[in-house]
Amino acid sequence: MPLDSILFQHIETTPGICSGKPRIAGTRIRVQDIYVWYELQGMSTDAIVDAYPHLTLADVHAALAYYYDHRDTIHKDIEADRALINAMKQRYPSKLRQTLHDRASDGDSLSS
């Protein structure tokens, strides 16, 4: 079986699911999630499977292979997500953060 066929058994994109971003087939776990856990957070492939037992090692390795073949696109997706999150934070500030700030300004303490 050609390598592309094996990869496509594990990775899929579907408009309307995870914004059409590549994900592990049958799940909502995106390739970029696997990349973040593995590369940025230092989780091993076994640790990822332990944390998400519905995944197989083959799923995780396929996601990493897909990432390495599409780095620029995945990084652009991650940056777009960050920009959206920052815009939402600006538009909808945290009410909890404001309440805590107001309490600290009034001299209230959380322990009282």
PDB file of N, CA and C in Angstrom:
ATOM      1  N   MET A   1       0.854  -1.173   0.000  1.00  0.00           N
ATOM      2  CA  MET A   1       0.000   0.000   0.000  1.00  0.00           C
ATOM      3  C   MET A   1       0.901   1.238   0.000  1.00  0.00           C
ATOM      4  N   PRO A   2       0.663   2.203  -0.915  1.00  0.00           N
ATOM      5  CA  PRO A   2       1.487   3.407  -0.959  1.00  0.00           C
ATOM      6  C   PRO A   2       1.376   4.214   0.336  1.00  0.00           C
ATOM      7  N   LEU A   3       2.459   4.925   0.655  1.00  0.00           N
ATOM      8  CA  LEU A   3       2.509   5.705   1.892  1.00  0.00           C
ATOM      9  C   LEU A   3       1.386   6.738   1.961  1.00  0.00           C
ATOM     10  N   ASP A   4       1.076   7.397   0.840  1.00  0.00           N
ATOM     11  CA  ASP A   4      -0.015   8.381   0.843  1.00  0.00           C
ATOM     12  C   ASP A   4      -1.339   7.747   1.257  1.00  0.00           C
ATOM     13  N   SER A   5      -1.591   6.533   0.823  1.00  0.00           N
ATOM     14  CA  SER A   5      -2.829   5.845   1.189  1.00  0.00           C
ATOM     15  C   SER A   5      -2.882   5.571   2.686  1.00  0.00           C
ATOM     16  N   ILE A   6      -1.742   5.186   3.251  1.00  0.00           N
ATOM     17  CA  ILE A   6      -1.688   4.926   4.688  1.00  0.00           C
ATOM     18  C   ILE A   6      -1.954   6.218   5.451  1.00  0.00           C
ATOM     19  N   LEU A   7      -1.321   7.313   5.028  1.00  0.00           N
ATOM     20  CA  LEU A   7      -1.508   8.598   5.692  1.00  0.00           C
ATOM     21  C   LEU A   7      -2.969   9.030   5.627  1.00  0.00           C
ATOM     22  N   PHE A   8      -3.609   8.852   4.477  1.00  0.00           N
ATOM     23  CA  PHE A   8      -4.992   9.280   4.334  1.00  0.00           C
ATOM     24  C   PHE A   8      -5.972   8.425   5.131  1.00  0.00           C
ATOM     25  N   GLN A   9      -5.546   7.260   5.582  1.00  0.00           N
ATOM     26  CA  GLN A   9      -6.383   6.469   6.482  1.00  0.00           C
ATOM     27  C   GLN A   9      -6.452   7.127   7.854  1.00  0.00           C
ATOM     28  N   HIS A  10      -5.445   7.912   8.187  1.00  0.00           N
ATOM     29  CA  HIS A  10      -5.338   8.493   9.522  1.00  0.00           C
ATOM     30  C   HIS A  10      -5.679   9.982   9.577  1.00  0.00           C
ATOM     31  N   ILE A  11      -5.483  10.707   8.493  1.00  0.00           N
ATOM     32  CA  ILE A  11      -5.666  12.159   8.481  1.00  0.00           C
ATOM     33  C   ILE A  11      -6.759  12.512   7.488  1.00  0.00           C
ATOM     34  N   GLU A  12      -7.662  13.404   7.929  1.00  0.00           N
ATOM     35  CA  GLU A  12      -8.721  13.851   7.029  1.00  0.00           C
ATOM     36  C   GLU A  12      -9.009  15.328   7.255  1.00  0.00           C
ATOM     37  N   THR A  13      -9.604  15.938   6.256  1.00  0.00           N
ATOM     38  CA  THR A  13     -10.107  17.301   6.371  1.00  0.00           C
ATOM     39  C   THR A  13     -11.549  17.288   5.898  1.00  0.00           C
ATOM     40  N   THR A  14     -12.387  17.970   6.649  1.00  0.00           N
ATOM     41  CA  THR A  14     -13.805  18.030   6.316  1.00  0.00           C
ATOM     42  C   THR A  14     -14.281  19.457   6.553  1.00  0.00           C
ATOM     43  N   PRO A  15     -14.813  20.107   5.522  1.00  0.00           N
ATOM     44  CA  PRO A  15     -15.335  21.454   5.745  1.00  0.00           C
ATOM     45  C   PRO A  15     -16.368  21.433   6.873  1.00  0.00           C
ATOM     46  N   GLY A  16     -16.278  22.403   7.761  1.00  0.00           N
ATOM     47  CA  GLY A  16     -17.239  22.494   8.856  1.00  0.00           C
ATOM     48  C   GLY A  16     -16.838  21.738  10.109  1.00  0.00           C
ATOM     49  N   ILE A  17     -15.805  20.921  10.039  1.00  0.00           N
ATOM     50  CA  ILE A  17     -15.293  20.231  11.226  1.00  0.00           C
ATOM     51  C   ILE A  17     -13.888  20.757  11.476  1.00  0.00           C
ATOM     52  N   CYS A  18     -13.682  21.317  12.649  1.00  0.00           N
ATOM     53  CA  CYS A  18     -12.384  21.916  13.009  1.00  0.00           C
ATOM     54  C   CYS A  18     -11.950  22.942  11.969  1.00  0.00           C
ATOM     55  N   SER A  19     -12.913  23.684  11.469  1.00  0.00           N
ATOM     56  CA  SER A  19     -12.658  24.726  10.454  1.00  0.00           C
ATOM     57  C   SER A  19     -11.968  24.175   9.211  1.00  0.00           C
ATOM     58  N   GLY A  20     -12.182  22.902   8.931  1.00  0.00           N
ATOM     59  CA  GLY A  20     -11.596  22.293   7.746  1.00  0.00           C
ATOM     60  C   GLY A  20     -10.112  21.985   7.876  1.00  0.00           C
ATOM     61  N   LYS A  21      -9.573  22.131   9.077  1.00  0.00           N
ATOM     62  CA  LYS A  21      -8.150  21.866   9.289  1.00  0.00           C
ATOM     63  C   LYS A  21      -7.906  20.357   9.348  1.00  0.00           C
ATOM     64  N   PRO A  22      -6.702  19.929   8.943  1.00  0.00           N
ATOM     65  CA  PRO A  22      -6.407  18.491   8.981  1.00  0.00           C
ATOM     66  C   PRO A  22      -6.459  17.964  10.411  1.00  0.00           C
ATOM     67  N   ARG A  23      -7.074  16.796  10.543  1.00  0.00           N
ATOM     68  CA  ARG A  23      -7.273  16.201  11.863  1.00  0.00           C
ATOM     69  C   ARG A  23      -7.154  14.697  11.754  1.00  0.00           C
ATOM     70  N   ILE A  24      -7.024  14.067  12.911  1.00  0.00           N
ATOM     71  CA  ILE A  24      -6.982  12.605  12.925  1.00  0.00           C
ATOM     72  C   ILE A  24      -8.381  12.101  12.574  1.00  0.00           C
ATOM     73  N   ALA A  25      -8.445  11.203  11.636  1.00  0.00           N
ATOM     74  CA  ALA A  25      -9.725  10.701  11.113  1.00  0.00           C
ATOM     75  C   ALA A  25     -10.628  10.217  12.243  1.00  0.00           C
ATOM     76  N   GLY A  26     -11.878  10.650  12.167  1.00  0.00           N
ATOM     77  CA  GLY A  26     -12.874  10.216  13.134  1.00  0.00           C
ATOM     78  C   GLY A  26     -12.809  10.943  14.469  1.00  0.00           C
ATOM     79  N   THR A  27     -11.956  11.958  14.576  1.00  0.00           N
ATOM     80  CA  THR A  27     -11.826  12.712  15.817  1.00  0.00           C
ATOM     81  C   THR A  27     -11.859  14.206  15.510  1.00  0.00           C
ATOM     82  N   ARG A  28     -11.818  15.008  16.556  1.00  0.00           N
ATOM     83  CA  ARG A  28     -11.685  16.450  16.405  1.00  0.00           C
ATOM     84  C   ARG A  28     -10.289  16.903  16.843  1.00  0.00           C
ATOM     85  N   ILE A  29      -9.364  15.971  16.919  1.00  0.00           N
ATOM     86  CA  ILE A  29      -7.987  16.301  17.284  1.00  0.00           C
ATOM     87  C   ILE A  29      -7.224  16.658  16.010  1.00  0.00           C
ATOM     88  N   ARG A  30      -6.818  17.923  15.963  1.00  0.00           N
ATOM     89  CA  ARG A  30      -6.158  18.440  14.765  1.00  0.00           C
ATOM     90  C   ARG A  30      -4.680  18.059  14.736  1.00  0.00           C
ATOM     91  N   VAL A  31      -4.134  18.033  13.540  1.00  0.00           N
ATOM     92  CA  VAL A  31      -2.703  17.804  13.369  1.00  0.00           C
ATOM     93  C   VAL A  31      -1.928  18.836  14.183  1.00  0.00           C
ATOM     94  N   GLN A  32      -2.378  20.089  14.178  1.00  0.00           N
ATOM     95  CA  GLN A  32      -1.660  21.117  14.928  1.00  0.00           C
ATOM     96  C   GLN A  32      -1.688  20.845  16.427  1.00  0.00           C
ATOM     97  N   ASP A  33      -2.718  20.200  16.940  1.00  0.00           N
ATOM     98  CA  ASP A  33      -2.749  19.832  18.361  1.00  0.00           C
ATOM     99  C   ASP A  33      -1.642  18.824  18.670  1.00  0.00           C
ATOM    100  N   ILE A  34      -1.505  17.829  17.806  1.00  0.00           N
ATOM    101  CA  ILE A  34      -0.465  16.817  17.990  1.00  0.00           C
ATOM    102  C   ILE A  34       0.915  17.486  17.944  1.00  0.00           C
ATOM    103  N   TYR A  35       1.109  18.383  16.978  1.00  0.00           N
ATOM    104  CA  TYR A  35       2.373  19.117  16.873  1.00  0.00           C
ATOM    105  C   TYR A  35       2.672  19.869  18.172  1.00  0.00           C
ATOM    106  N   VAL A  36       1.690  20.592  18.688  1.00  0.00           N
ATOM    107  CA  VAL A  36       1.901  21.372  19.915  1.00  0.00           C
ATOM    108  C   VAL A  36       2.261  20.454  21.079  1.00  0.00           C
ATOM    109  N   TRP A  37       1.515  19.396  21.245  1.00  0.00           N
ATOM    110  CA  TRP A  37       1.782  18.476  22.361  1.00  0.00           C
ATOM    111  C   TRP A  37       3.174  17.856  22.245  1.00  0.00           C
ATOM    112  N   TYR A  38       3.530  17.436  21.048  1.00  0.00           N
ATOM    113  CA  TYR A  38       4.787  16.719  20.844  1.00  0.00           C
ATOM    114  C   TYR A  38       5.986  17.666  20.836  1.00  0.00           C
ATOM    115  N   GLU A  39       5.943  18.674  19.987  1.00  0.00           N
ATOM    116  CA  GLU A  39       7.106  19.551  19.795  1.00  0.00           C
ATOM    117  C   GLU A  39       7.208  20.644  20.859  1.00  0.00           C
ATOM    118  N   LEU A  40       6.113  21.289  21.186  1.00  0.00           N
ATOM    119  CA  LEU A  40       6.172  22.453  22.071  1.00  0.00           C
ATOM    120  C   LEU A  40       6.036  22.082  23.541  1.00  0.00           C
ATOM    121  N   GLN A  41       5.219  21.075  23.841  1.00  0.00           N
ATOM    122  CA  GLN A  41       5.024  20.682  25.235  1.00  0.00           C
ATOM    123  C   GLN A  41       5.884  19.487  25.631  1.00  0.00           C
ATOM    124  N   GLY A  42       6.549  18.881  24.654  1.00  0.00           N
ATOM    125  CA  GLY A  42       7.482  17.799  24.948  1.00  0.00           C
ATOM    126  C   GLY A  42       6.847  16.467  25.319  1.00  0.00           C
ATOM    127  N   MET A  43       5.580  16.271  24.965  1.00  0.00           N
ATOM    128  CA  MET A  43       4.953  14.977  25.234  1.00  0.00           C
ATOM    129  C   MET A  43       5.502  13.944  24.255  1.00  0.00           C
ATOM    130  N   SER A  44       5.721  12.746  24.731  1.00  0.00           N
ATOM    131  CA  SER A  44       6.134  11.662  23.836  1.00  0.00           C
ATOM    132  C   SER A  44       4.895  11.166  23.085  1.00  0.00           C
ATOM    133  N   THR A  45       5.135  10.417  22.024  1.00  0.00           N
ATOM    134  CA  THR A  45       3.999   9.851  21.289  1.00  0.00           C
ATOM    135  C   THR A  45       3.205   8.906  22.186  1.00  0.00           C
ATOM    136  N   ASP A  46       3.901   8.155  23.032  1.00  0.00           N
ATOM    137  CA  ASP A  46       3.212   7.259  23.970  1.00  0.00           C
ATOM    138  C   ASP A  46       2.375   8.044  24.969  1.00  0.00           C
ATOM    139  N   ALA A  47       2.887   9.176  25.442  1.00  0.00           N
ATOM    140  CA  ALA A  47       2.146  10.000  26.403  1.00  0.00           C
ATOM    141  C   ALA A  47       0.889  10.575  25.762  1.00  0.00           C
ATOM    142  N   ILE A  48       0.977  10.937  24.492  1.00  0.00           N
ATOM    143  CA  ILE A  48      -0.209  11.451  23.790  1.00  0.00           C
ATOM    144  C   ILE A  48      -1.275  10.363  23.711  1.00  0.00           C
ATOM    145  N   VAL A  49      -0.870   9.147  23.363  1.00  0.00           N
ATOM    146  CA  VAL A  49      -1.818   8.031  23.295  1.00  0.00           C
ATOM    147  C   VAL A  49      -2.380   7.718  24.682  1.00  0.00           C
ATOM    148  N   ASP A  50      -1.556   7.797  25.706  1.00  0.00           N
ATOM    149  CA  ASP A  50      -2.044   7.576  27.073  1.00  0.00           C
ATOM    150  C   ASP A  50      -3.090   8.623  27.449  1.00  0.00           C
ATOM    151  N   ALA A  51      -2.854   9.874  27.044  1.00  0.00           N
ATOM    152  CA  ALA A  51      -3.794  10.955  27.370  1.00  0.00           C
ATOM    153  C   ALA A  51      -5.067  10.874  26.534  1.00  0.00           C
ATOM    154  N   TYR A  52      -4.967  10.322  25.342  1.00  0.00           N
ATOM    155  CA  TYR A  52      -6.104  10.210  24.423  1.00  0.00           C
ATOM    156  C   TYR A  52      -6.164   8.767  23.919  1.00  0.00           C
ATOM    157  N   PRO A  53      -6.661   7.847  24.745  1.00  0.00           N
ATOM    158  CA  PRO A  53      -6.577   6.423  24.420  1.00  0.00           C
ATOM    159  C   PRO A  53      -7.352   6.000  23.175  1.00  0.00           C
ATOM    160  N   HIS A  54      -8.207   6.862  22.655  1.00  0.00           N
ATOM    161  CA  HIS A  54      -8.897   6.505  21.411  1.00  0.00           C
ATOM    162  C   HIS A  54      -7.978   6.699  20.194  1.00  0.00           C
ATOM    163  N   LEU A  55      -6.791   7.289  20.406  1.00  0.00           N
ATOM    164  CA  LEU A  55      -5.804   7.423  19.340  1.00  0.00           C
ATOM    165  C   LEU A  55      -4.864   6.229  19.369  1.00  0.00           C
ATOM    166  N   THR A  56      -4.310   5.931  18.223  1.00  0.00           N
ATOM    167  CA  THR A  56      -3.283   4.901  18.136  1.00  0.00           C
ATOM    168  C   THR A  56      -1.937   5.578  17.889  1.00  0.00           C
ATOM    169  N   LEU A  57      -0.867   4.837  18.122  1.00  0.00           N
ATOM    170  CA  LEU A  57       0.451   5.376  17.793  1.00  0.00           C
ATOM    171  C   LEU A  57       0.537   5.709  16.309  1.00  0.00           C
ATOM    172  N   ALA A  58      -0.090   4.907  15.480  1.00  0.00           N
ATOM    173  CA  ALA A  58      -0.090   5.175  14.041  1.00  0.00           C
ATOM    174  C   ALA A  58      -0.774   6.507  13.744  1.00  0.00           C
ATOM    175  N   ASP A  59      -1.876   6.820  14.452  1.00  0.00           N
ATOM    176  CA  ASP A  59      -2.550   8.110  14.278  1.00  0.00           C
ATOM    177  C   ASP A  59      -1.604   9.263  14.599  1.00  0.00           C
ATOM    178  N   VAL A  60      -0.919   9.144  15.729  1.00  0.00           N
ATOM    179  CA  VAL A  60      -0.028  10.217  16.179  1.00  0.00           C
ATOM    180  C   VAL A  60       1.140  10.377  15.213  1.00  0.00           C
ATOM    181  N   HIS A  61       1.727   9.277  14.791  1.00  0.00           N
ATOM    182  CA  HIS A  61       2.849   9.367  13.857  1.00  0.00           C
ATOM    183  C   HIS A  61       2.396   9.885  12.497  1.00  0.00           C
ATOM    184  N   ALA A  62       1.202   9.519  12.070  1.00  0.00           N
ATOM    185  CA  ALA A  62       0.672  10.043  10.806  1.00  0.00           C
ATOM    186  C   ALA A  62       0.458  11.549  10.905  1.00  0.00           C
ATOM    187  N   ALA A  63      -0.042  12.011  12.050  1.00  0.00           N
ATOM    188  CA  ALA A  63      -0.244  13.455  12.248  1.00  0.00           C
ATOM    189  C   ALA A  63       1.092  14.186  12.212  1.00  0.00           C
ATOM    190  N   LEU A  64       2.105  13.612  12.839  1.00  0.00           N
ATOM    191  CA  LEU A  64       3.425  14.240  12.819  1.00  0.00           C
ATOM    192  C   LEU A  64       4.013  14.228  11.404  1.00  0.00           C
ATOM    193  N   ALA A  65       3.832  13.136  10.675  1.00  0.00           N
ATOM    194  CA  ALA A  65       4.311  13.082   9.292  1.00  0.00           C
ATOM    195  C   ALA A  65       3.603  14.140   8.450  1.00  0.00           C
ATOM    196  N   TYR A  66       2.299  14.269   8.648  1.00  0.00           N
ATOM    197  CA  TYR A  66       1.542  15.292   7.916  1.00  0.00           C
ATOM    198  C   TYR A  66       2.073  16.676   8.267  1.00  0.00           C
ATOM    199  N   TYR A  67       2.306  16.920   9.561  1.00  0.00           N
ATOM    200  CA  TYR A  67       2.848  18.213   9.981  1.00  0.00           C
ATOM    201  C   TYR A  67       4.176  18.502   9.278  1.00  0.00           C
ATOM    202  N   TYR A  68       5.097  17.544   9.302  1.00  0.00           N
ATOM    203  CA  TYR A  68       6.411  17.777   8.717  1.00  0.00           C
ATOM    204  C   TYR A  68       6.330  18.025   7.207  1.00  0.00           C
ATOM    205  N   ASP A  69       5.327  17.471   6.555  1.00  0.00           N
ATOM    206  CA  ASP A  69       5.134  17.715   5.124  1.00  0.00           C
ATOM    207  C   ASP A  69       4.423  19.036   4.837  1.00  0.00           C
ATOM    208  N   HIS A  70       3.772  19.626   5.849  1.00  0.00           N
ATOM    209  CA  HIS A  70       2.957  20.834   5.644  1.00  0.00           C
ATOM    210  C   HIS A  70       3.225  21.889   6.721  1.00  0.00           C
ATOM    211  N   ARG A  71       4.468  22.012   7.127  1.00  0.00           N
ATOM    212  CA  ARG A  71       4.820  22.923   8.228  1.00  0.00           C
ATOM    213  C   ARG A  71       4.306  24.343   8.036  1.00  0.00           C
ATOM    214  N   ASP A  72       4.556  24.919   6.875  1.00  0.00           N
ATOM    215  CA  ASP A  72       4.171  26.317   6.659  1.00  0.00           C
ATOM    216  C   ASP A  72       2.665  26.517   6.836  1.00  0.00           C
ATOM    217  N   THR A  73       1.891  25.617   6.287  1.00  0.00           N
ATOM    218  CA  THR A  73       0.433  25.718   6.400  1.00  0.00           C
ATOM    219  C   THR A  73      -0.016  25.562   7.846  1.00  0.00           C
ATOM    220  N   ILE A  74       0.533  24.596   8.558  1.00  0.00           N
ATOM    221  CA  ILE A  74       0.149  24.369   9.961  1.00  0.00           C
ATOM    222  C   ILE A  74       0.519  25.580  10.806  1.00  0.00           C
ATOM    223  N   HIS A  75       1.715  26.142  10.589  1.00  0.00           N
ATOM    224  CA  HIS A  75       2.123  27.320  11.359  1.00  0.00           C
ATOM    225  C   HIS A  75       1.235  28.528  11.052  1.00  0.00           C
ATOM    226  N   LYS A  76       0.825  28.678   9.808  1.00  0.00           N
ATOM    227  CA  LYS A  76      -0.107  29.763   9.457  1.00  0.00           C
ATOM    228  C   LYS A  76      -1.449  29.560  10.163  1.00  0.00           C
ATOM    229  N   ASP A  77      -1.923  28.320  10.228  1.00  0.00           N
ATOM    230  CA  ASP A  77      -3.174  28.022  10.940  1.00  0.00           C
ATOM    231  C   ASP A  77      -3.050  28.369  12.424  1.00  0.00           C
ATOM    232  N   ILE A  78      -1.915  28.029  13.025  1.00  0.00           N
ATOM    233  CA  ILE A  78      -1.705  28.321  14.447  1.00  0.00           C
ATOM    234  C   ILE A  78      -1.689  29.830  14.672  1.00  0.00           C
ATOM    235  N   GLU A  79      -1.008  30.570  13.821  1.00  0.00           N
ATOM    236  CA  GLU A  79      -0.964  32.032  13.953  1.00  0.00           C
ATOM    237  C   GLU A  79      -2.346  32.649  13.749  1.00  0.00           C
ATOM    238  N   ALA A  80      -3.115  32.117  12.812  1.00  0.00           N
ATOM    239  CA  ALA A  80      -4.474  32.611  12.598  1.00  0.00           C
ATOM    240  C   ALA A  80      -5.337  32.365  13.835  1.00  0.00           C
ATOM    241  N   ASP A  81      -5.167  31.200  14.461  1.00  0.00           N
ATOM    242  CA  ASP A  81      -5.898  30.898  15.699  1.00  0.00           C
ATOM    243  C   ASP A  81      -5.512  31.872  16.808  1.00  0.00           C
ATOM    244  N   ARG A  82      -4.214  32.153  16.938  1.00  0.00           N
ATOM    245  CA  ARG A  82      -3.751  33.102  17.964  1.00  0.00           C
ATOM    246  C   ARG A  82      -4.327  34.489  17.728  1.00  0.00           C
ATOM    247  N   ALA A  83      -4.334  34.918  16.480  1.00  0.00           N
ATOM    248  CA  ALA A  83      -4.881  36.234  16.148  1.00  0.00           C
ATOM    249  C   ALA A  83      -6.367  36.298  16.493  1.00  0.00           C
ATOM    250  N   LEU A  84      -7.109  35.243  16.195  1.00  0.00           N
ATOM    251  CA  LEU A  84      -8.534  35.199  16.523  1.00  0.00           C
ATOM    252  C   LEU A  84      -8.744  35.251  18.031  1.00  0.00           C
ATOM    253  N   ILE A  85      -7.960  34.488  18.776  1.00  0.00           N
ATOM    254  CA  ILE A  85      -8.076  34.481  20.239  1.00  0.00           C
ATOM    255  C   ILE A  85      -7.788  35.869  20.796  1.00  0.00           C
ATOM    256  N   ASN A  86      -6.730  36.502  20.308  1.00  0.00           N
ATOM    257  CA  ASN A  86      -6.401  37.853  20.793  1.00  0.00           C
ATOM    258  C   ASN A  86      -7.500  38.852  20.456  1.00  0.00           C
ATOM    259  N   ALA A  87      -8.065  38.748  19.270  1.00  0.00           N
ATOM    260  CA  ALA A  87      -9.166  39.647  18.888  1.00  0.00           C
ATOM    261  C   ALA A  87     -10.384  39.426  19.780  1.00  0.00           C
ATOM    262  N   MET A  88     -10.682  38.173  20.087  1.00  0.00           N
ATOM    263  CA  MET A  88     -11.821  37.868  20.963  1.00  0.00           C
ATOM    264  C   MET A  88     -11.576  38.379  22.376  1.00  0.00           C
ATOM    265  N   LYS A  89     -10.337  38.265  22.862  1.00  0.00           N
ATOM    266  CA  LYS A  89     -10.010  38.783  24.192  1.00  0.00           C
ATOM    267  C   LYS A  89     -10.184  40.293  24.246  1.00  0.00           C
ATOM    268  N   GLN A  90      -9.820  40.971  23.171  1.00  0.00           N
ATOM    269  CA  GLN A  90      -9.993  42.421  23.122  1.00  0.00           C
ATOM    270  C   GLN A  90     -11.471  42.798  23.062  1.00  0.00           C
ATOM    271  N   ARG A  91     -12.204  42.052  22.297  1.00  0.00           N
ATOM    272  CA  ARG A  91     -13.631  42.366  22.121  1.00  0.00           C
ATOM    273  C   ARG A  91     -14.459  41.982  23.347  1.00  0.00           C
ATOM    274  N   TYR A  92     -14.104  40.879  23.975  1.00  0.00           N
ATOM    275  CA  TYR A  92     -14.852  40.367  25.120  1.00  0.00           C
ATOM    276  C   TYR A  92     -13.905  40.154  26.298  1.00  0.00           C
ATOM    277  N   PRO A  93     -13.572  41.224  27.017  1.00  0.00           N
ATOM    278  CA  PRO A  93     -12.634  41.086  28.139  1.00  0.00           C
ATOM    279  C   PRO A  93     -13.178  40.143  29.213  1.00  0.00           C
ATOM    280  N   SER A  94     -12.265  39.560  29.956  1.00  0.00           N
ATOM    281  CA  SER A  94     -12.617  38.619  31.018  1.00  0.00           C
ATOM    282  C   SER A  94     -13.308  39.348  32.169  1.00  0.00           C
ATOM    283  N   LYS A  95     -14.520  38.934  32.480  1.00  0.00           N
ATOM    284  CA  LYS A  95     -15.249  39.520  33.612  1.00  0.00           C
ATOM    285  C   LYS A  95     -14.591  39.118  34.927  1.00  0.00           C
ATOM    286  N   LEU A  96     -14.068  37.915  35.007  1.00  0.00           N
ATOM    287  CA  LEU A  96     -13.384  37.466  36.216  1.00  0.00           C
ATOM    288  C   LEU A  96     -12.140  38.310  36.467  1.00  0.00           C
ATOM    289  N   ARG A  97     -11.354  38.525  35.431  1.00  0.00           N
ATOM    290  CA  ARG A  97     -10.138  39.339  35.576  1.00  0.00           C
ATOM    291  C   ARG A  97     -10.501  40.741  36.055  1.00  0.00           C
ATOM    292  N   GLN A  98     -11.562  41.319  35.501  1.00  0.00           N
ATOM    293  CA  GLN A  98     -11.984  42.665  35.907  1.00  0.00           C
ATOM    294  C   GLN A  98     -12.471  42.662  37.350  1.00  0.00           C
ATOM    295  N   THR A  99     -13.230  41.644  37.746  1.00  0.00           N
ATOM    296  CA  THR A  99     -13.718  41.553  39.127  1.00  0.00           C
ATOM    297  C   THR A  99     -12.546  41.440  40.098  1.00  0.00           C
ATOM    298  N   LEU A 100     -11.573  40.608  39.779  1.00  0.00           N
ATOM    299  CA  LEU A 100     -10.407  40.464  40.642  1.00  0.00           C
ATOM    300  C   LEU A 100      -9.618  41.768  40.713  1.00  0.00           C
ATOM    301  N   HIS A 101      -9.498  42.442  39.597  1.00  0.00           N
ATOM    302  CA  HIS A 101      -8.801  43.730  39.575  1.00  0.00           C
ATOM    303  C   HIS A 101      -9.538  44.750  40.430  1.00  0.00           C
ATOM    304  N   ASP A 102     -10.868  44.775  40.295  1.00  0.00           N
ATOM    305  CA  ASP A 102     -11.670  45.716  41.090  1.00  0.00           C
ATOM    306  C   ASP A 102     -11.538  45.422  42.579  1.00  0.00           C
ATOM    307  N   ARG A 103     -11.567  44.163  42.956  1.00  0.00           N
ATOM    308  CA  ARG A 103     -11.427  43.792  44.367  1.00  0.00           C
ATOM    309  C   ARG A 103     -10.064  44.193  44.909  1.00  0.00           C
ATOM    310  N   ALA A 104      -9.025  43.960  44.125  1.00  0.00           N
ATOM    311  CA  ALA A 104      -7.679  44.329  44.567  1.00  0.00           C
ATOM    312  C   ALA A 104      -7.572  45.831  44.710  1.00  0.00           C
ATOM    313  N   SER A 105      -8.200  46.573  43.828  1.00  0.00           N
ATOM    314  CA  SER A 105      -8.170  48.026  43.907  1.00  0.00           C
ATOM    315  C   SER A 105      -8.926  48.542  45.135  1.00  0.00           C
ATOM    316  N   ASP A 106      -9.983  47.816  45.529  1.00  0.00           N
ATOM    317  CA  ASP A 106     -10.788  48.208  46.692  1.00  0.00           C
ATOM    318  C   ASP A 106     -10.183  47.712  47.995  1.00  0.00           C
ATOM    319  N   GLY A 107      -9.086  46.978  47.930  1.00  0.00           N
ATOM    320  CA  GLY A 107      -8.465  46.454  49.134  1.00  0.00           C
ATOM    321  C   GLY A 107      -9.055  45.140  49.601  1.00  0.00           C
ATOM    322  N   ASP A 108      -9.995  44.573  48.826  1.00  0.00           N
ATOM    323  CA  ASP A 108     -10.552  43.257  49.193  1.00  0.00           C
ATOM    324  C   ASP A 108      -9.477  42.197  48.998  1.00  0.00           C
ATOM    325  N   SER A 109      -9.586  41.190  49.806  1.00  0.00           N
ATOM    326  CA  SER A 109      -8.673  40.065  49.616  1.00  0.00           C
ATOM    327  C   SER A 109      -9.512  38.834  49.296  1.00  0.00           C
ATOM    328  N   LEU A 110      -8.928  37.926  48.576  1.00  0.00           N
ATOM    329  CA  LEU A 110      -9.634  36.702  48.209  1.00  0.00           C
ATOM    330  C   LEU A 110      -9.886  35.825  49.433  1.00  0.00           C
ATOM    331  N   SER A 111      -9.131  35.987  50.488  1.00  0.00           N
ATOM    332  CA  SER A 111      -9.289  35.110  51.648  1.00  0.00           C
ATOM    333  C   SER A 111     -10.373  35.582  52.593  1.00  0.00           C
ATOM    334  N   SER A 112     -10.937  36.768  52.377  1.00  0.00           N
ATOM    335  CA  SER A 112     -11.963  37.256  53.304  1.00  0.00           C
ATOM    336  C   SER A 112     -13.338  36.771  52.961  1.00  0.00           C
TER     337      SER A 112
END
